[in-house]
Protein backbone atom coordinates (compact mmCIF):
# COMPACT_ATOMS: atom_id res chain seq x y z
CA MET A 1 2.75 -19.37 -42.96
CA THR A 2 2.70 -15.77 -41.73
CA ARG A 3 2.86 -15.34 -37.97
CA PRO A 4 0.31 -13.02 -36.32
CA PRO A 5 1.49 -9.65 -34.98
CA GLY A 6 3.41 -9.91 -31.73
CA GLU A 7 5.02 -13.28 -32.51
CA PRO A 8 7.21 -14.68 -31.21
CA ARG A 9 5.75 -13.97 -27.78
CA ARG A 10 9.12 -14.42 -26.12
CA VAL A 11 10.15 -11.05 -27.51
CA ALA A 12 7.33 -9.36 -25.60
CA TYR A 13 8.60 -10.85 -22.35
CA LEU A 14 12.05 -9.47 -23.09
CA PHE A 15 10.56 -5.98 -23.34
CA LEU A 16 8.75 -6.49 -20.03
CA LEU A 17 11.82 -7.84 -18.26
CA PRO A 18 13.49 -4.50 -17.30
CA ALA A 19 10.30 -3.12 -15.75
CA PHE A 20 9.62 -6.40 -13.96
CA ALA A 21 13.18 -6.47 -12.62
CA VAL A 22 12.71 -3.02 -11.06
CA TYR A 23 9.30 -4.06 -9.71
CA ALA A 24 10.75 -7.23 -8.20
CA ALA A 25 13.74 -5.46 -6.67
CA PHE A 26 11.77 -2.69 -5.00
CA LEU A 27 8.48 -4.40 -4.19
CA LEU A 28 8.46 -8.18 -4.42
CA TYR A 29 11.81 -8.72 -2.71
CA PRO A 30 11.02 -6.40 0.26
CA ILE A 31 7.66 -8.14 0.72
CA GLY A 32 9.33 -11.54 0.61
CA ARG A 33 11.97 -10.38 3.08
CA ALA A 34 9.26 -9.05 5.40
CA VAL A 35 7.48 -12.40 5.29
CA GLN A 36 10.75 -14.12 6.17
CA LEU A 37 11.42 -11.77 9.11
CA SER A 38 7.88 -12.23 10.39
CA LEU A 39 8.64 -15.89 11.05
CA TYR A 40 11.44 -15.06 13.50
CA ASP A 41 11.72 -13.60 16.96
CA TRP A 42 14.38 -10.96 16.27
CA ASP A 43 15.39 -7.68 17.91
CA GLY A 44 17.22 -6.35 14.87
CA LEU A 45 20.69 -6.79 16.40
CA THR A 46 21.29 -10.27 17.75
CA LEU A 47 20.71 -13.62 16.08
CA GLY A 48 17.02 -14.30 15.57
CA THR A 49 15.23 -17.44 16.65
CA TRP A 50 12.57 -19.31 14.71
CA ALA A 51 9.05 -18.37 15.82
CA GLY A 52 6.92 -19.84 13.08
CA LEU A 53 3.46 -18.32 13.04
CA ASP A 54 3.65 -17.09 16.64
CA ASN A 55 3.95 -13.46 15.56
CA TYR A 56 0.77 -13.79 13.52
CA ALA A 57 -1.05 -15.52 16.35
CA ALA A 58 -0.06 -12.65 18.61
CA ILE A 59 -1.92 -10.21 16.35
CA ILE A 60 -5.14 -12.01 17.25
CA ALA A 61 -4.26 -12.67 20.89
CA ASP A 62 -2.79 -9.23 21.69
CA GLY A 63 -5.55 -6.81 22.65
CA GLU A 64 -3.50 -3.74 21.73
CA LEU A 65 -2.88 -5.05 18.22
CA ARG A 66 -6.55 -5.92 17.76
CA ASP A 67 -7.42 -2.41 18.87
CA ALA A 68 -4.93 -0.96 16.38
CA PHE A 69 -6.63 -2.74 13.48
CA GLY A 70 -10.01 -1.67 14.87
CA HIS A 71 -8.85 1.95 14.93
CA ALA A 72 -7.82 1.62 11.28
CA LEU A 73 -11.34 0.47 10.42
CA VAL A 74 -12.75 3.51 12.24
CA LEU A 75 -10.44 5.76 10.22
CA MET A 76 -11.80 4.16 7.05
CA PHE A 77 -15.12 5.81 7.85
CA PHE A 78 -13.48 9.23 8.14
CA TYR A 79 -11.05 8.77 5.25
CA ALA A 80 -13.35 7.04 2.78
CA VAL A 81 -17.07 7.09 3.61
CA LEU A 82 -17.41 10.72 4.73
CA PRO A 83 -15.23 12.18 1.93
CA LEU A 84 -17.18 10.14 -0.62
CA ALA A 85 -20.53 11.41 0.67
CA ILE A 86 -19.33 15.02 0.88
CA GLY A 87 -17.47 14.85 -2.43
CA LEU A 88 -20.49 13.43 -4.27
CA MET A 89 -22.74 16.14 -2.84
CA LEU A 90 -20.34 18.99 -3.66
CA ALA A 91 -19.63 17.68 -7.15
CA ALA A 92 -23.32 17.18 -7.93
CA ILE A 93 -24.17 20.71 -6.80
CA LEU A 94 -21.31 22.29 -8.71
CA ASN A 95 -21.97 20.23 -11.84
CA HIS A 96 -25.69 20.95 -11.74
CA ALA A 97 -25.33 24.66 -11.03
CA LYS A 98 -22.51 25.19 -13.57
CA VAL A 99 -20.67 27.51 -11.21
CA ARG A 100 -18.25 30.01 -12.72
CA GLY A 101 -14.63 29.63 -11.76
CA LEU A 102 -14.97 25.86 -11.43
CA GLY A 103 -11.31 25.38 -12.32
CA PHE A 104 -10.25 27.63 -9.46
CA PHE A 105 -12.53 25.75 -7.06
CA ARG A 106 -11.04 22.42 -8.13
CA THR A 107 -7.59 23.79 -7.41
CA VAL A 108 -8.61 25.03 -3.96
CA VAL A 109 -10.31 21.81 -2.83
CA PHE A 110 -7.45 19.72 -4.19
CA LEU A 111 -4.82 21.84 -2.43
CA PRO A 112 -4.53 19.63 0.71
CA GLN A 113 -3.32 16.78 -1.51
CA VAL A 114 -0.20 18.72 -2.51
CA VAL A 115 0.72 19.63 1.08
CA ALA A 116 2.96 17.17 2.92
CA MET A 117 1.04 15.24 5.57
CA VAL A 118 3.66 16.20 8.16
CA VAL A 119 2.82 19.87 7.57
CA VAL A 120 -0.90 19.09 7.74
CA ALA A 121 -0.41 17.20 11.01
CA VAL A 122 1.57 20.02 12.63
CA ALA A 123 -1.04 22.59 11.59
CA TRP A 124 -3.98 20.54 12.89
CA ARG A 125 -2.13 19.78 16.12
CA GLN A 126 -2.10 23.51 16.75
CA VAL A 127 -5.79 23.76 15.86
CA TYR A 128 -6.65 21.03 18.37
CA SER A 129 -4.40 22.25 21.21
CA SER A 130 -5.91 23.56 24.45
CA ASP A 131 -5.24 27.16 23.39
CA GLY A 132 -5.81 26.47 19.70
CA SER A 133 -8.21 28.01 17.25
CA LEU A 134 -10.91 25.34 17.67
CA ASN A 135 -11.30 26.01 21.39
CA ALA A 136 -11.06 29.76 20.74
CA LEU A 137 -13.94 29.45 18.27
CA LEU A 138 -16.03 27.49 20.77
CA GLU A 139 -15.38 30.16 23.39
CA ALA A 140 -16.36 32.90 20.92
CA ILE A 141 -19.76 31.36 20.15
CA GLY A 142 -20.57 30.59 23.78
CA LEU A 143 -19.73 26.90 23.75
CA GLY A 144 -16.66 27.12 25.93
CA GLY A 145 -17.89 24.19 28.01
CA LEU A 146 -17.09 21.92 25.05
CA ALA A 147 -13.48 23.07 24.86
CA ARG A 148 -10.88 20.45 25.69
CA GLY A 149 -7.49 19.13 24.72
CA TRP A 150 -8.90 17.20 21.80
CA LEU A 151 -5.86 15.06 21.03
CA GLY A 152 -5.38 14.17 24.69
CA ASP A 153 -8.94 13.04 25.27
CA TYR A 154 -9.52 9.27 25.17
CA ALA A 155 -12.98 9.65 23.65
CA PHE A 156 -12.24 12.34 21.08
CA ALA A 157 -8.62 11.74 20.01
CA LEU A 158 -9.38 9.16 17.31
CA PRO A 159 -12.35 11.07 15.80
CA ALA A 160 -10.21 14.23 15.87
CA VAL A 161 -7.53 12.47 13.84
CA GLY A 162 -10.23 11.11 11.54
CA VAL A 163 -11.62 14.60 10.86
CA VAL A 164 -8.20 15.62 9.55
CA GLY A 165 -8.38 12.65 7.17
CA THR A 166 -11.85 13.76 6.03
CA TRP A 167 -10.57 17.28 5.33
CA PHE A 168 -7.54 15.90 3.49
CA GLU A 169 -9.36 13.40 1.26
CA THR A 170 -12.55 15.34 0.43
CA GLY A 171 -10.84 17.48 -2.19
CA LEU A 172 -9.46 14.45 -4.03
CA VAL A 173 -12.85 12.73 -4.07
CA THR A 174 -14.62 15.92 -5.22
CA VAL A 175 -12.24 16.39 -8.15
CA LEU A 176 -12.65 12.74 -9.18
CA MET A 177 -16.43 13.01 -9.03
CA LEU A 178 -16.44 16.27 -11.02
CA ALA A 179 -14.31 14.62 -13.69
CA GLY A 180 -16.74 11.72 -13.89
CA MET A 181 -19.85 13.90 -13.96
CA SER A 182 -18.45 16.09 -16.72
CA LYS A 183 -18.53 13.06 -19.06
CA ILE A 184 -22.23 12.30 -18.51
CA PRO A 185 -24.23 13.10 -21.69
CA LEU A 186 -26.65 15.99 -21.20
CA GLU A 187 -29.31 13.97 -23.03
CA LEU A 188 -29.63 11.69 -19.99
CA TYR A 189 -30.49 14.63 -17.75
CA GLU A 190 -32.94 16.00 -20.31
CA ALA A 191 -34.67 12.62 -20.54
CA ALA A 192 -34.92 12.42 -16.75
CA ARG A 193 -36.46 15.91 -16.56
CA LEU A 194 -38.99 14.99 -19.26
CA ASP A 195 -40.00 12.06 -17.05
CA GLY A 196 -40.61 14.52 -14.22
CA ALA A 197 -37.52 13.74 -12.18
CA GLY A 198 -36.46 16.29 -9.59
CA ALA A 199 -32.91 17.08 -8.56
CA VAL A 200 -32.72 14.25 -6.00
CA ARG A 201 -34.18 11.59 -8.28
CA GLU A 202 -31.99 12.85 -11.12
CA PHE A 203 -28.94 12.34 -8.92
CA PHE A 204 -29.82 8.77 -8.00
CA ALA A 205 -31.13 7.76 -11.43
CA VAL A 206 -28.54 9.42 -13.69
CA THR A 207 -25.54 10.84 -11.88
CA LEU A 208 -24.77 8.11 -9.35
CA PRO A 209 -24.88 5.15 -11.79
CA SER A 210 -22.72 7.08 -14.26
CA VAL A 211 -19.83 7.66 -11.83
CA ARG A 212 -19.54 4.15 -10.39
CA GLY A 213 -16.08 3.77 -11.89
CA GLU A 214 -14.89 7.00 -10.28
CA ILE A 215 -16.45 5.94 -6.97
CA ALA A 216 -14.45 2.68 -7.08
CA VAL A 217 -11.23 4.61 -7.74
CA ALA A 218 -11.98 7.08 -4.94
CA LEU A 219 -12.81 4.33 -2.46
CA THR A 220 -9.68 2.37 -3.35
CA LEU A 221 -7.41 5.40 -2.87
CA THR A 222 -9.03 6.60 0.34
CA VAL A 223 -9.29 3.16 1.96
CA ILE A 224 -5.60 2.54 1.28
CA ALA A 225 -4.78 5.96 2.75
CA ALA A 226 -6.79 5.15 5.88
CA LEU A 227 -5.17 1.77 6.44
CA ARG A 228 -1.58 2.91 5.90
CA THR A 229 -1.78 6.24 7.73
CA PHE A 230 1.26 6.76 9.93
CA ASP A 231 2.67 10.28 9.80
CA LEU A 232 -0.60 11.92 10.89
CA VAL A 233 -0.86 9.69 13.98
CA TYR A 234 2.86 9.95 14.73
CA ILE A 235 2.88 13.76 14.67
CA THR A 236 -0.46 14.48 16.33
CA THR A 237 -0.87 11.85 19.05
CA GLY A 238 2.00 9.35 18.94
CA GLY A 239 -0.62 6.63 19.27
CA GLY A 240 -1.96 8.09 22.51
CA PRO A 241 -3.47 8.83 24.85
CA GLY A 242 -2.71 5.29 25.94
CA ASN A 243 -3.18 3.37 22.70
CA SER A 244 -6.47 4.99 21.76
CA THR A 245 -5.19 6.23 18.37
CA SER A 246 -2.67 3.50 17.60
CA VAL A 247 -2.97 2.05 14.09
CA PRO A 248 -1.14 -0.86 12.41
CA SER A 249 1.34 1.35 10.54
CA TYR A 250 2.29 3.09 13.76
CA GLU A 251 2.62 -0.25 15.54
CA VAL A 252 5.08 -1.40 12.87
CA TYR A 253 7.31 1.60 13.65
CA HIS A 254 6.79 1.38 17.41
CA ARG A 255 7.62 -2.30 17.69
CA ALA A 256 10.49 -2.35 15.21
CA PHE A 257 12.37 0.81 16.23
CA GLU A 258 11.30 1.45 19.82
CA LEU A 259 10.67 -2.00 21.30
CA GLY A 260 13.08 -4.00 19.15
CA GLN A 261 10.42 -6.52 18.10
CA VAL A 262 11.27 -6.69 14.42
CA GLY A 263 9.58 -10.04 13.82
CA SER A 264 6.32 -8.82 15.33
CA ALA A 265 6.52 -5.58 13.32
CA ALA A 266 7.08 -7.52 10.10
CA ALA A 267 4.06 -9.74 10.85
CA ILE A 268 1.89 -6.67 11.38
CA GLY A 269 3.14 -5.18 8.12
CA VAL A 270 2.45 -8.36 6.15
CA THR A 271 -1.01 -8.68 7.68
CA LEU A 272 -1.78 -5.05 6.87
CA THR A 273 -0.65 -5.58 3.28
CA LEU A 274 -3.00 -8.56 2.95
CA VAL A 275 -5.90 -6.58 4.44
CA ILE A 276 -5.31 -3.69 2.03
CA PHE A 277 -5.10 -6.08 -0.92
CA ALA A 278 -8.29 -7.90 0.10
CA ILE A 279 -10.33 -4.72 0.57
CA SER A 280 -9.03 -3.15 -2.66
CA PHE A 281 -9.75 -6.36 -4.55
CA ALA A 282 -13.30 -6.49 -3.14
CA ILE A 283 -13.98 -2.87 -4.09
CA ASN A 284 -12.79 -3.35 -7.66
CA ARG A 285 -14.62 -6.66 -8.08
CA PHE A 286 -17.84 -5.01 -6.90
CA ALA A 287 -17.26 -2.10 -9.29
CA ASP A 288 -16.59 -4.44 -12.23
CA ARG A 289 -19.84 -6.32 -11.59
CA SER A 290 -21.78 -3.07 -11.30
CA LEU A 291 -20.36 -1.76 -14.58
CA SER A 292 -20.91 -5.01 -16.51
């Protein structure tokens, strides 16, 4: 009896083994080690003591840690929701208008993605400084009363950091949406116009349903970026003023390397990983149901 292609199946696992070994060594083992450390009260130097789930309970009981996760959710709005709305609008306009030099525009809007976030953070820190270009612009247009040290203001520091995320992620989302819209058959637009659809109805009836897959990809990438942001916060505000811009990734660094609370830092990291996985899973499940 002839075996079907791919038999014996054990051979396929042998081909997968090298890649899985690398994956396990550089991802699964560190995650497992982090889970182990999160169960101890350890300063990184002396012998640790068993803490059980106390470090995880502290995430709920500690107001500063709750605030850090809340700040990450706020950044999701700036990193994911706003870039998606802006990117969809820009892509729809450019795709509908068939602008010349579209390739050059894609390169320009995507440019922030190829710049290191540390460089972006340093540049925007100068923009937001008391004598920076933002306050100079407000002075020039007669709105000097609004000028302030943006990153040192309790009310505006977190939104200021979020705006940088919006600027950084909008180009990526726009390029993804343009790629998706370029695959939409022109016959669908022609049929919508024959039915009397205007530009707005055409967008909601044809364009938006056709790029649901790209929207899921964009949301997954930007939500992950929002939840794991560290370098932007570290360079611009250092979690301040107070803890008004602290986020989980920054708390991992702060507690592990500055306070010597390695167990607590590991618990925050594990919890953040689970939150990212849950949100990404929900986005992709919703996208799969929408596409089916």
